[in-house]
């Protein structure tokens, strides 16, 4: 039976804390679109008299992917008092970079360089701006590229509603761990053909990147989550990337995540594409608040020094980590979901900030989306949370929403430290966890289905070691499904506990609930050996060999 701490929704699943059906939250209000004003500077005519001063760029580094054109590179010429500005400046490029050789200087001293092209290889070098009698300015031009994960076999168990586990041709419960065997209507999955998989909302959407650099959906396709139609499709569909969303030569998909009404995919070139629900929420991150779309759109990168290295998803929005360790978020924001210090939904990625409201969260190595919020692991081993605080989901002892990132605590005033891994979160999980360098699994948030303690379903205010007995061995990966917790040991075995109604335990039973960890099996008495977890489905588990 559903835990009494989480009200039952009209659709038979569980509602968001407070009793509001999850679907209702995304459609609850209309949102206004901010209007941007453009300012055009006038080029300066040739100046007379003496000239001297300094040239500076606005950013110390500009970043893009291989073969791509950089965003507009800007700077300013600062003349010595009493002297004149030059009419133009000269640009000196490193070998294999290209662009205009001169640009005009505006009357206010600013300049803009458009059309600088990166070489096809990763690296960095210096761009120089010079003018006679002026001290030259420099900035770094960097080319980065995300690595494509090795292709593996998919392995899945649990709820397969509308074939969201890429398993079979009908909605079934998989009581054992079985191969993700095919793309319904489009053939089988060959051995070692899965780059990444991710679950979305229950029965509606799940995604798979195939080793031939194609992106596929499974599920009923509602809310524009599947390509080609807004109506239920109940089979796999392949997303098309063409025209303004065509991939560059050598650009490949590296990761995919699902949210309640759509998804995001990250490429080697640091670009994010989005699709799905967008009406009033800004979930697509492309500067619009509608309409919904099943045609992938390019998420807007707001600054020229941002190169995205990782993505995650919260309830109906996205989270991105860049190469400098900074965190960005966009989408629905009615419960402080974004941690940006801002009110209202956001259609462009905004910086996640600290409690002063201005300092951006940085030094981050991992990000994870949760229900109406997110988590970030910093390089110092601390975990920061933001968003909806009901059920103590922020791990700070409070039930209030938090519109900024602050440390998860182990008790009043005591920061959780020594963490090395955040779990793969299903984006609507209400409970949380983190793995310490000492092999201790900390948990907090909603206590439904005995996820924290075999003897209690009480919510947990602070991050505290799991109260039950864990199997012997070193934990190497962790995942959170909607109903439970899943761990992988160094020997490749998988263990699960929590609600088992949908076969999430993978041991051939439908236990409700499973209070202590049980081993995932491929069949009676045969342990499943996995390589790690992908983000989970609502009542299923998605992993890889």
Protein backbone atom coordinates (compact mmCIF):
# COMPACT_ATOMS: atom_id res chain seq x y z
CA UNK A 1 0.00 0.00 0.00
CA UNK A 2 1.15 3.59 -0.59
CA UNK A 3 2.91 5.19 2.31
CA UNK A 4 0.60 7.51 4.27
CA UNK A 5 3.22 10.28 4.05
CA UNK A 6 2.62 10.56 0.28
CA UNK A 7 -1.03 11.09 -0.74
CA UNK A 8 -2.53 8.95 -3.48
CA UNK A 9 -3.06 10.73 -6.79
CA UNK A 10 -6.13 10.31 -9.03
CA UNK A 11 -4.06 8.33 -11.52
CA UNK A 12 -3.33 5.63 -8.99
CA UNK A 13 0.30 6.55 -8.45
CA UNK A 14 1.43 8.99 -5.79
CA UNK A 15 0.92 12.69 -5.66
CA UNK A 16 3.46 15.32 -4.88
CA UNK A 17 3.84 16.13 -1.19
CA UNK A 18 0.89 18.22 -0.14
CA UNK A 19 -1.57 16.18 -2.16
CA UNK A 20 -1.26 17.99 -5.50
CA UNK A 21 -1.18 15.49 -8.37
CA UNK A 22 2.19 15.72 -10.09
CA UNK A 23 0.62 16.35 -13.48
CA UNK A 24 -1.33 19.29 -12.04
CA UNK A 25 1.79 21.10 -10.87
CA UNK A 26 3.17 21.55 -14.37
CA UNK A 27 -0.08 22.97 -15.67
CA UNK A 28 -0.98 25.12 -12.68
CA UNK A 29 -0.27 28.60 -13.93
CA UNK A 30 0.59 30.81 -16.85
CA UNK A 31 3.92 32.55 -16.79
CA UNK A 32 5.12 35.78 -18.35
CA UNK A 33 7.96 36.03 -20.84
CA UNK A 34 10.70 38.57 -20.04
CA UNK A 35 11.42 41.12 -22.77
CA UNK A 36 15.06 41.85 -23.63
CA UNK A 37 16.09 45.25 -25.00
CA UNK A 38 18.85 45.39 -27.61
CA UNK A 39 21.42 48.18 -27.55
CA UNK A 40 23.34 48.97 -30.71
CA UNK A 41 26.64 50.85 -30.43
CA UNK A 42 27.87 53.07 -33.24
CA UNK A 43 31.36 52.46 -34.69
CA UNK A 44 33.82 55.24 -34.02
CA UNK A 45 35.21 57.27 -36.89
CA UNK A 46 38.99 57.57 -37.11
CA UNK A 47 40.17 59.55 -34.11
CA UNK A 48 42.72 62.37 -34.17
CA UNK A 49 45.38 63.25 -31.64
CA UNK A 50 47.50 60.98 -29.42
CA UNK A 51 46.44 57.47 -28.60
CA UNK A 52 47.36 55.12 -25.74
CA UNK A 53 45.65 52.85 -23.26
CA UNK A 54 44.72 49.22 -22.66
CA UNK A 55 42.64 46.56 -24.42
CA UNK A 56 40.75 44.01 -22.32
CA UNK A 57 38.39 41.13 -23.10
CA UNK A 58 35.19 40.64 -21.10
CA UNK A 59 35.97 36.99 -20.31
CA UNK A 60 39.33 35.40 -19.56
CA UNK A 61 38.26 32.33 -21.56
CA UNK A 62 35.83 31.50 -24.36
CA UNK A 63 34.86 27.86 -24.77
CA UNK A 64 33.23 25.83 -27.51
CA UNK A 65 33.30 22.39 -29.12
CA UNK A 66 35.43 21.11 -32.01
CA UNK A 67 34.81 22.90 -35.31
CA UNK A 68 32.13 25.14 -33.81
CA UNK A 69 31.83 28.92 -33.99
CA UNK A 70 32.38 30.69 -30.69
CA UNK A 71 29.70 32.89 -29.24
CA UNK A 72 30.28 36.60 -29.64
CA UNK A 73 33.67 37.55 -28.17
CA UNK A 74 33.54 40.99 -26.58
CA UNK A 75 35.86 43.45 -24.92
CA UNK A 76 36.73 47.09 -24.43
CA UNK A 77 39.44 49.54 -25.35
CA UNK A 78 40.26 51.80 -22.39
CA UNK A 79 42.15 54.93 -23.51
CA UNK A 80 44.48 56.87 -21.27
CA UNK A 81 42.65 60.03 -20.12
CA UNK A 82 43.01 62.78 -22.67
CA UNK A 83 43.77 60.44 -25.57
CA UNK A 84 41.58 59.07 -28.34
CA UNK A 85 40.22 55.64 -29.18
CA UNK A 86 41.49 53.75 -32.21
CA UNK A 87 39.00 53.21 -35.03
CA UNK A 88 39.67 49.48 -35.00
CA UNK A 89 41.76 46.77 -33.40
CA UNK A 90 43.74 43.94 -34.95
CA UNK A 91 43.16 40.32 -33.92
CA UNK A 92 45.89 37.73 -33.83
CA UNK A 93 44.80 34.09 -33.83
CA UNK A 94 46.66 30.97 -32.79
CA UNK A 95 47.35 28.38 -35.48
CA UNK A 96 44.23 26.47 -36.67
CA UNK A 97 41.80 29.04 -35.20
CA UNK A 98 40.19 31.49 -37.60
CA UNK A 99 38.09 34.64 -37.68
CA UNK A 100 38.04 38.30 -38.70
CA UNK A 101 41.42 40.01 -38.58
CA UNK A 102 40.09 43.43 -37.58
CA UNK A 103 36.99 44.76 -35.83
CA UNK A 104 35.66 48.29 -35.34
CA UNK A 105 35.74 49.99 -31.97
CA UNK A 106 32.45 51.56 -30.86
CA UNK A 107 32.16 55.10 -29.47
CA UNK A 108 32.06 53.71 -25.93
CA UNK A 109 35.23 51.69 -26.54
CA UNK A 110 33.51 48.31 -26.78
CA UNK A 111 34.09 45.82 -29.55
CA UNK A 112 32.47 42.55 -30.65
CA UNK A 113 34.04 39.72 -32.59
CA UNK A 114 31.69 37.41 -34.45
CA UNK A 115 32.63 34.32 -36.44
CA UNK A 116 35.67 32.96 -34.60
CA UNK A 117 35.92 29.30 -35.56
CA UNK A 118 37.47 26.53 -33.47
CA UNK A 119 39.70 23.85 -34.96
CA UNK A 120 38.52 20.22 -35.05
CA UNK A 121 40.77 19.19 -32.17
CA UNK A 122 40.67 19.73 -28.41
CA UNK A 123 43.07 22.32 -27.05
CA UNK A 124 43.50 25.96 -26.10
CA UNK A 125 45.56 28.97 -27.17
CA UNK A 126 45.63 32.73 -26.90
CA UNK A 127 43.70 35.32 -28.92
CA UNK A 128 45.36 38.75 -28.99
CA UNK A 129 43.76 42.13 -29.65
CA UNK A 130 46.13 45.00 -30.46
CA UNK A 131 46.25 48.60 -31.66
CA UNK A 132 49.16 51.00 -32.11
CA UNK A 133 50.32 52.51 -28.78
CA UNK A 134 47.80 50.43 -26.80
CA UNK A 135 48.71 47.60 -24.44
CA UNK A 136 47.43 44.43 -26.12
CA UNK A 137 44.66 42.37 -24.58
CA UNK A 138 44.51 38.58 -24.50
CA UNK A 139 41.97 35.89 -23.81
CA UNK A 140 42.06 32.12 -23.98
CA UNK A 141 40.28 30.25 -26.75
CA UNK A 142 39.48 26.72 -25.59
CA UNK A 143 38.07 23.70 -27.40
CA UNK A 144 36.59 20.96 -25.21
CA UNK A 145 34.90 17.66 -25.98
CA UNK A 146 32.88 15.25 -23.82
CA UNK A 147 33.82 11.59 -24.07
CA UNK A 148 31.36 9.06 -25.45
CA UNK A 149 30.79 6.26 -22.90
CA UNK A 150 31.62 2.75 -24.06
CA UNK A 151 28.72 0.85 -25.58
CA UNK A 152 27.32 -1.93 -23.38
CA UNK A 153 24.27 -4.16 -23.05
CA UNK A 154 21.24 -2.78 -21.20
CA UNK A 155 19.83 -4.73 -18.28
CA UNK A 156 16.43 -3.90 -16.73
CA UNK A 157 13.90 -5.07 -14.18
CA UNK A 158 10.66 -3.89 -12.58
CA UNK A 159 7.74 -2.01 -14.09
CA UNK A 160 7.64 -2.11 -17.90
CA UNK A 161 4.47 -0.06 -18.35
CA UNK A 162 4.03 0.83 -22.04
CA UNK A 163 7.38 -0.85 -22.76
CA UNK A 164 9.40 1.87 -21.00
CA UNK A 165 12.12 -0.68 -20.18
CA UNK A 166 12.68 -1.41 -23.90
CA UNK A 167 11.56 -4.92 -23.12
CA UNK A 168 9.07 -6.95 -25.16
CA UNK A 169 5.98 -5.71 -26.95
CA UNK A 170 3.58 -5.43 -24.06
CA UNK A 171 3.29 -3.84 -20.63
CA UNK A 172 4.68 -6.40 -18.20
CA UNK A 173 6.40 -6.67 -14.86
CA UNK A 174 9.92 -8.01 -15.10
CA UNK A 175 10.56 -9.88 -11.85
CA UNK A 176 14.15 -10.68 -12.83
CA UNK A 177 16.91 -8.65 -14.44
CA UNK A 178 16.63 -9.19 -18.19
CA UNK A 179 18.19 -7.64 -21.31
CA UNK A 180 16.83 -4.44 -22.80
CA UNK A 181 16.09 -6.37 -25.93
CA UNK A 182 14.70 -4.07 -28.59
CA UNK A 183 13.25 -0.97 -30.11
CA UNK A 184 9.64 -1.89 -30.65
CA UNK A 185 8.82 -1.67 -34.31
CA UNK A 186 12.45 -0.97 -35.18
CA UNK A 187 14.31 -4.20 -34.50
CA UNK A 188 16.40 -5.65 -31.74
CA UNK A 189 19.29 -4.15 -29.84
CA UNK A 190 22.58 -5.70 -30.89
CA UNK A 191 25.19 -6.73 -28.33
CA UNK A 192 27.09 -3.76 -26.88
CA UNK A 193 24.80 -1.25 -28.54
CA UNK A 194 23.65 0.90 -25.60
CA UNK A 195 25.45 4.16 -24.81
CA UNK A 196 22.92 5.45 -22.25
CA UNK A 197 19.35 4.87 -21.04
CA UNK A 198 17.02 6.91 -18.83
CA UNK A 199 13.53 6.68 -17.42
CA UNK A 200 10.99 9.49 -17.44
CA UNK A 201 7.44 9.66 -16.12
CA UNK A 202 5.52 6.46 -15.43
CA UNK A 203 4.63 4.72 -18.69
CA UNK A 204 5.04 7.93 -20.69
CA UNK A 205 8.69 8.26 -21.61
CA UNK A 206 12.04 6.53 -21.47
CA UNK A 207 15.05 7.08 -23.68
CA UNK A 208 17.97 5.21 -25.18
CA UNK A 209 21.10 6.30 -27.05
CA UNK A 210 22.25 3.60 -29.45
CA UNK A 211 25.87 3.11 -30.49
CA UNK A 212 25.06 4.27 -34.02
CA UNK A 213 24.50 7.76 -32.54
CA UNK A 214 20.71 7.62 -32.71
CA UNK A 215 18.29 8.63 -29.93
CA UNK A 216 15.10 6.64 -29.29
CA UNK A 217 12.01 6.89 -27.08
CA UNK A 218 9.68 4.32 -25.58
CA UNK A 219 6.38 4.86 -23.78
CA UNK A 220 2.94 6.22 -24.57
CA UNK A 221 4.35 9.46 -25.97
CA UNK A 222 2.08 11.86 -24.08
CA UNK A 223 3.07 15.53 -23.56
CA UNK A 224 5.23 15.50 -26.71
CA UNK A 225 7.69 13.09 -25.11
CA UNK A 226 7.99 10.91 -28.23
CA UNK A 227 9.01 12.01 -31.73
CA UNK A 228 6.58 12.43 -34.58
CA UNK A 229 3.30 12.73 -32.69
CA UNK A 230 1.69 14.19 -29.60
CA UNK A 231 -0.63 11.20 -29.36
CA UNK A 232 0.11 7.91 -27.61
CA UNK A 233 2.33 5.75 -29.78
CA UNK A 234 3.25 2.75 -27.60
CA UNK A 235 6.34 1.92 -29.60
CA UNK A 236 9.87 3.16 -30.11
CA UNK A 237 10.44 6.33 -32.06
CA UNK A 238 13.67 7.82 -33.32
CA UNK A 239 14.28 11.53 -32.86
CA UNK A 240 15.35 13.47 -35.93
CA UNK A 241 18.11 16.08 -35.81
CA UNK A 242 18.22 18.28 -38.89
CA UNK A 243 18.18 21.90 -39.99
CA UNK A 244 18.95 24.20 -37.06
CA UNK A 245 19.38 21.17 -34.77
CA UNK A 246 21.61 19.15 -37.09
CA UNK A 247 24.66 17.60 -35.45
CA UNK A 248 28.13 18.81 -36.37
CA UNK A 249 30.61 16.51 -38.05
CA UNK A 250 31.93 14.22 -35.33
CA UNK A 251 29.31 15.29 -32.77
CA UNK A 252 27.85 12.38 -30.80
CA UNK A 253 25.30 11.89 -28.03
CA UNK A 254 26.87 11.08 -24.65
CA UNK A 255 24.01 11.14 -22.10
CA UNK A 256 20.22 11.37 -21.90
CA UNK A 257 17.87 12.13 -18.98
CA UNK A 258 14.10 12.24 -18.70
CA UNK A 259 11.81 14.57 -16.81
CA UNK A 260 8.08 14.26 -16.15
CA UNK A 261 7.13 15.74 -19.52
CA UNK A 262 10.16 15.29 -21.76
CA UNK A 263 13.91 14.89 -21.89
CA UNK A 264 17.39 16.28 -22.50
CA UNK A 265 20.34 14.86 -24.40
CA UNK A 266 23.97 16.04 -24.10
CA UNK A 267 26.52 15.85 -26.92
CA UNK A 268 30.28 15.60 -27.18
CA UNK A 269 30.32 19.29 -28.16
CA UNK A 270 28.72 20.48 -24.91
CA UNK A 271 25.34 21.14 -26.50
CA UNK A 272 22.00 20.16 -24.93
CA UNK A 273 18.87 19.36 -26.92
CA UNK A 274 15.43 19.30 -25.29
CA UNK A 275 11.89 18.24 -26.13
CA UNK A 276 8.53 17.77 -24.43
CA UNK A 277 6.36 19.85 -22.12
CA UNK A 278 7.03 23.59 -22.23
CA UNK A 279 3.70 25.39 -21.80
CA UNK A 280 4.36 28.06 -19.18
CA UNK A 281 7.28 26.17 -17.64
CA UNK A 282 10.29 27.04 -19.81
CA UNK A 283 11.42 23.43 -19.53
CA UNK A 284 13.01 23.42 -22.98
CA UNK A 285 15.53 26.04 -21.89
CA UNK A 286 15.42 27.79 -25.27
CA UNK A 287 13.95 31.13 -24.19
CA UNK A 288 10.32 30.17 -24.79
CA UNK A 289 7.37 29.26 -22.58
CA UNK A 290 5.59 27.19 -25.19
CA UNK A 291 4.43 25.37 -27.12
CA UNK A 292 5.18 21.77 -26.24
CA UNK A 293 7.25 20.10 -28.92
CA UNK A 294 8.40 16.60 -29.86
CA UNK A 295 11.02 18.06 -32.20
CA UNK A 296 14.33 18.54 -30.37
CA UNK A 297 15.27 22.15 -29.62
CA UNK A 298 18.68 23.54 -28.74
CA UNK A 299 18.99 24.66 -25.13
CA UNK A 300 20.39 28.21 -25.02
CA UNK A 301 23.86 28.63 -23.53
CA UNK A 302 23.72 32.12 -21.97
CA UNK A 303 27.45 32.87 -21.63
CA UNK A 304 30.41 32.24 -23.95
CA UNK A 305 32.54 30.62 -21.24
CA UNK A 306 30.06 27.80 -20.54
CA UNK A 307 30.81 24.29 -21.79
CA UNK A 308 28.34 21.73 -20.40
CA UNK A 309 29.90 18.48 -19.18
CA UNK A 310 26.92 16.83 -17.42
CA UNK A 311 23.13 17.06 -17.32
CA UNK A 312 20.35 15.99 -14.98
CA UNK A 313 16.64 16.66 -14.62
CA UNK A 314 14.32 17.68 -11.83
CA UNK A 315 10.54 17.41 -11.95
CA UNK A 316 9.97 19.59 -15.03
CA UNK A 317 13.29 21.27 -15.67
CA UNK A 318 16.96 20.77 -16.32
CA UNK A 319 20.25 21.04 -14.44
CA UNK A 320 23.65 21.43 -16.09
CA UNK A 321 27.26 21.29 -14.86
CA UNK A 322 29.93 23.16 -16.81
CA UNK A 323 33.65 22.62 -17.24
CA UNK A 324 34.41 25.20 -14.54
CA UNK A 325 32.38 23.33 -11.91
CA UNK A 326 29.44 25.77 -11.96
CA UNK A 327 25.80 24.66 -11.80
CA UNK A 328 22.91 25.99 -13.90
CA UNK A 329 19.16 25.28 -13.80
CA UNK A 330 16.00 26.14 -15.74
CA UNK A 331 12.30 25.21 -15.98
CA UNK A 332 9.49 25.15 -13.46
CA UNK A 333 10.22 27.06 -10.26
CA UNK A 334 7.02 27.17 -8.20
CA UNK A 335 8.61 25.49 -5.15
CA UNK A 336 12.09 27.05 -5.39
CA UNK A 337 12.98 24.16 -7.70
CA UNK A 338 15.92 25.91 -9.35
CA UNK A 339 17.96 27.23 -6.42
CA UNK A 340 18.65 30.40 -8.39
CA UNK A 341 17.32 32.93 -5.90
CA UNK A 342 14.74 33.89 -8.51
CA UNK A 343 10.96 33.64 -8.50
CA UNK A 344 8.95 32.42 -11.44
CA UNK A 345 9.72 29.82 -14.06
CA UNK A 346 12.88 30.31 -16.10
CA UNK A 347 13.22 29.57 -19.82
CA UNK A 348 16.99 30.21 -19.94
CA UNK A 349 19.52 28.44 -17.72
CA UNK A 350 20.34 30.49 -14.63
CA UNK A 351 23.15 30.09 -12.08
CA UNK A 352 22.39 28.09 -8.94
CA UNK A 353 23.49 30.38 -6.12
CA UNK A 354 24.49 30.22 -2.48
CA UNK A 355 22.57 31.75 0.42
CA UNK A 356 23.81 35.29 -0.27
CA UNK A 357 21.78 35.15 -3.49
CA UNK A 358 24.63 36.25 -5.75
CA UNK A 359 27.58 33.84 -5.40
CA UNK A 360 27.26 30.98 -7.87
CA UNK A 361 27.62 27.42 -6.62
CA UNK A 362 30.99 26.19 -7.92
CA UNK A 363 33.65 23.55 -7.36
CA UNK A 364 31.05 20.91 -8.26
CA UNK A 365 31.90 17.48 -9.67
CA UNK A 366 28.46 15.79 -9.80
CA UNK A 367 24.86 16.98 -10.17
CA UNK A 368 21.57 15.17 -9.64
CA UNK A 369 17.97 16.27 -10.03
CA UNK A 370 15.36 15.32 -7.47
CA UNK A 371 11.65 16.02 -7.11
CA UNK A 372 11.33 19.82 -7.38
CA UNK A 373 15.01 20.51 -6.74
CA UNK A 374 18.52 19.19 -7.00
CA UNK A 375 21.80 18.14 -5.41
CA UNK A 376 25.43 18.89 -6.15
CA UNK A 377 28.60 17.19 -4.90
CA UNK A 378 31.56 19.52 -4.47
CA UNK A 379 35.19 18.53 -4.80
CA UNK A 380 35.61 18.93 -1.02
CA UNK A 381 33.18 16.04 -0.42
CA UNK A 382 30.23 18.18 0.70
CA UNK A 383 26.72 17.89 -0.76
CA UNK A 384 24.56 20.93 -1.50
CA UNK A 385 20.77 20.81 -1.93
CA UNK A 386 18.03 23.18 -3.05
CA UNK A 387 14.30 23.18 -3.82
CA UNK A 388 11.24 21.65 -2.20
CA UNK A 389 11.82 20.95 1.49
CA UNK A 390 8.77 18.83 2.31
CA UNK A 391 9.64 15.50 3.89
CA UNK A 392 13.07 16.97 4.78
CA UNK A 393 14.25 16.41 1.21
CA UNK A 394 16.96 19.07 1.57
CA UNK A 395 18.57 17.20 4.45
CA UNK A 396 18.92 20.31 6.61
CA UNK A 397 16.39 19.56 9.32
CA UNK A 398 13.83 21.95 7.84
CA UNK A 399 10.57 21.49 5.93
CA UNK A 400 10.80 24.83 4.14
CA UNK A 401 11.61 25.34 0.47
CA UNK A 402 15.11 26.61 -0.27
CA UNK A 403 15.72 28.94 -3.21
CA UNK A 404 19.49 28.60 -2.98
CA UNK A 405 22.07 25.85 -2.54
CA UNK A 406 23.17 25.03 1.01
CA UNK A 407 24.98 22.08 2.60
CA UNK A 408 23.21 18.86 3.52
CA UNK A 409 23.70 18.31 7.26
CA UNK A 410 24.18 15.33 9.57
CA UNK A 411 22.68 17.28 12.47
CA UNK A 412 22.02 20.88 13.50
CA UNK A 413 24.91 22.96 12.15
CA UNK A 414 27.03 19.95 11.13
CA UNK A 415 27.83 19.59 7.43
CA UNK A 416 27.86 16.18 5.77
CA UNK A 417 31.42 15.58 4.52
CA UNK A 418 33.50 12.80 2.99
CA UNK A 419 31.06 12.02 0.17
CA UNK A 420 32.36 10.55 -3.09
CA UNK A 421 29.20 9.68 -5.03
CA UNK A 422 25.65 10.87 -5.53
CA UNK A 423 23.14 8.23 -6.70
CA UNK A 424 21.58 8.10 -10.12
CA UNK A 425 18.29 9.78 -9.17
CA UNK A 426 14.92 9.06 -10.66
CA UNK A 427 13.75 12.64 -11.02
CA UNK A 428 10.63 12.16 -8.87
CA UNK A 429 12.32 10.37 -5.97
CA UNK A 430 11.34 11.84 -2.59
CA UNK A 431 14.12 10.18 -0.62
CA UNK A 432 17.83 10.87 -0.99
CA UNK A 433 21.17 9.22 -0.45
CA UNK A 434 24.91 9.79 -0.76
CA UNK A 435 27.87 7.39 -0.61
CA UNK A 436 30.83 8.23 1.62
CA UNK A 437 34.48 7.50 0.98
CA UNK A 438 34.27 5.20 4.02
CA UNK A 439 31.67 3.01 2.21
CA UNK A 440 28.89 4.41 4.42
CA UNK A 441 25.54 5.02 2.71
CA UNK A 442 23.81 8.12 4.10
CA UNK A 443 20.08 8.62 3.55
CA UNK A 444 17.51 11.34 4.25
CA UNK A 445 14.10 12.64 3.14
CA UNK A 446 10.85 10.69 2.93
CA UNK A 447 10.98 7.33 4.72
CA UNK A 448 8.32 5.55 2.67
CA UNK A 449 8.79 1.81 2.12
CA UNK A 450 11.47 1.53 4.85
CA UNK A 451 14.18 3.08 2.70
CA UNK A 452 16.05 4.48 5.75
CA UNK A 453 15.33 1.92 8.44
CA UNK A 454 13.98 -1.65 8.30
CA UNK A 455 11.81 -0.87 11.33
CA UNK A 456 10.40 2.54 10.40
CA UNK A 457 8.88 4.61 7.60
CA UNK A 458 9.57 7.87 9.42
CA UNK A 459 10.97 10.73 7.39
CA UNK A 460 14.63 11.50 8.07
CA UNK A 461 15.58 15.13 8.80
CA UNK A 462 19.33 14.84 8.34
CA UNK A 463 21.79 12.67 6.43
CA UNK A 464 22.32 9.61 8.60
CA UNK A 465 23.90 6.21 7.88
CA UNK A 466 21.39 3.63 6.67
CA UNK A 467 20.05 1.87 9.77
CA UNK A 468 19.83 -1.62 8.34
CA UNK A 469 22.48 -4.20 7.46
CA UNK A 470 24.07 -3.90 4.03
CA UNK A 471 25.64 -6.80 2.15
CA UNK A 472 29.37 -7.28 2.66
CA UNK A 473 31.50 -5.53 0.05
CA UNK A 474 32.50 -2.16 -1.35
CA UNK A 475 29.65 -0.13 -2.81
CA UNK A 476 30.56 1.25 -6.24
CA UNK A 477 27.27 2.66 -7.52
CA UNK A 478 23.90 3.73 -6.11
CA UNK A 479 20.53 4.48 -7.69
CA UNK A 480 17.19 5.73 -6.38
CA UNK A 481 13.97 4.65 -7.97
CA UNK A 482 10.62 6.13 -7.02
CA UNK A 483 10.09 3.42 -4.41
CA UNK A 484 13.47 2.22 -3.25
CA UNK A 485 17.26 2.22 -3.10
CA UNK A 486 19.60 0.13 -5.23
CA UNK A 487 23.34 -0.48 -4.80
CA UNK A 488 26.05 -2.18 -6.82
CA UNK A 489 29.00 -3.87 -5.12
CA UNK A 490 32.53 -4.17 -6.48
CA UNK A 491 31.80 -7.77 -7.54
CA UNK A 492 29.07 -6.45 -9.88
CA UNK A 493 26.15 -7.74 -7.84
CA UNK A 494 23.08 -5.54 -7.33
CA UNK A 495 21.01 -5.26 -4.15
CA UNK A 496 17.67 -3.53 -3.58
CA UNK A 497 15.21 -2.62 -0.85
CA UNK A 498 11.96 -0.66 -0.63
CA UNK A 499 8.60 -1.29 -2.26
CA UNK A 500 8.56 -4.36 -4.47
CA UNK A 501 5.10 -4.22 -6.01
CA UNK A 502 6.48 -3.72 -9.50
CA UNK A 503 9.35 -6.20 -9.35
CA UNK A 504 11.96 -3.56 -8.52
CA UNK A 505 13.75 -6.05 -6.27
CA UNK A 506 14.58 -8.21 -9.27
CA UNK A 507 14.54 -11.40 -7.23
CA UNK A 508 11.44 -13.03 -8.72
CA UNK A 509 9.02 -11.77 -6.08
CA UNK A 510 6.57 -8.92 -5.61
CA UNK A 511 7.29 -8.14 -1.97
CA UNK A 512 5.53 -5.16 -0.38
CA UNK A 513 7.71 -3.79 1.04
CA UNK A 514 11.19 -5.34 1.02
CA UNK A 515 12.62 -4.05 4.31
CA UNK A 516 16.16 -5.39 3.93
CA UNK A 517 18.43 -5.62 0.86
CA UNK A 518 17.86 -8.57 -1.45
CA UNK A 519 20.03 -9.56 -4.38
CA UNK A 520 18.99 -8.91 -7.97
CA UNK A 521 18.81 -12.12 -10.01
CA UNK A 522 18.63 -12.97 -13.70
CA UNK A 523 16.65 -16.09 -12.82
CA UNK A 524 16.12 -18.35 -9.79
CA UNK A 525 19.41 -18.52 -7.90
CA UNK A 526 21.47 -16.67 -10.55
CA UNK A 527 22.91 -13.29 -9.48
CA UNK A 528 22.77 -10.43 -11.95
CA UNK A 529 26.15 -8.85 -12.71
CA UNK A 530 25.92 -5.22 -13.76
CA UNK A 531 28.38 -2.49 -14.61
CA UNK A 532 26.40 0.36 -13.09
CA UNK A 533 23.07 2.17 -13.05
CA UNK A 534 21.35 4.56 -15.41
CA UNK A 535 18.60 6.93 -14.16
CA UNK A 536 15.60 4.77 -13.27
CA UNK A 537 12.04 4.55 -14.43
CA UNK A 538 9.09 5.16 -12.10
CA UNK A 539 8.78 1.53 -10.98
CA UNK A 540 11.69 0.03 -12.88
CA UNK A 541 15.45 -0.14 -12.74
CA UNK A 542 17.72 0.56 -15.70
CA UNK A 543 21.34 -0.56 -15.60
CA UNK A 544 24.13 -1.63 -17.94
CA UNK A 545 26.46 -4.58 -18.22
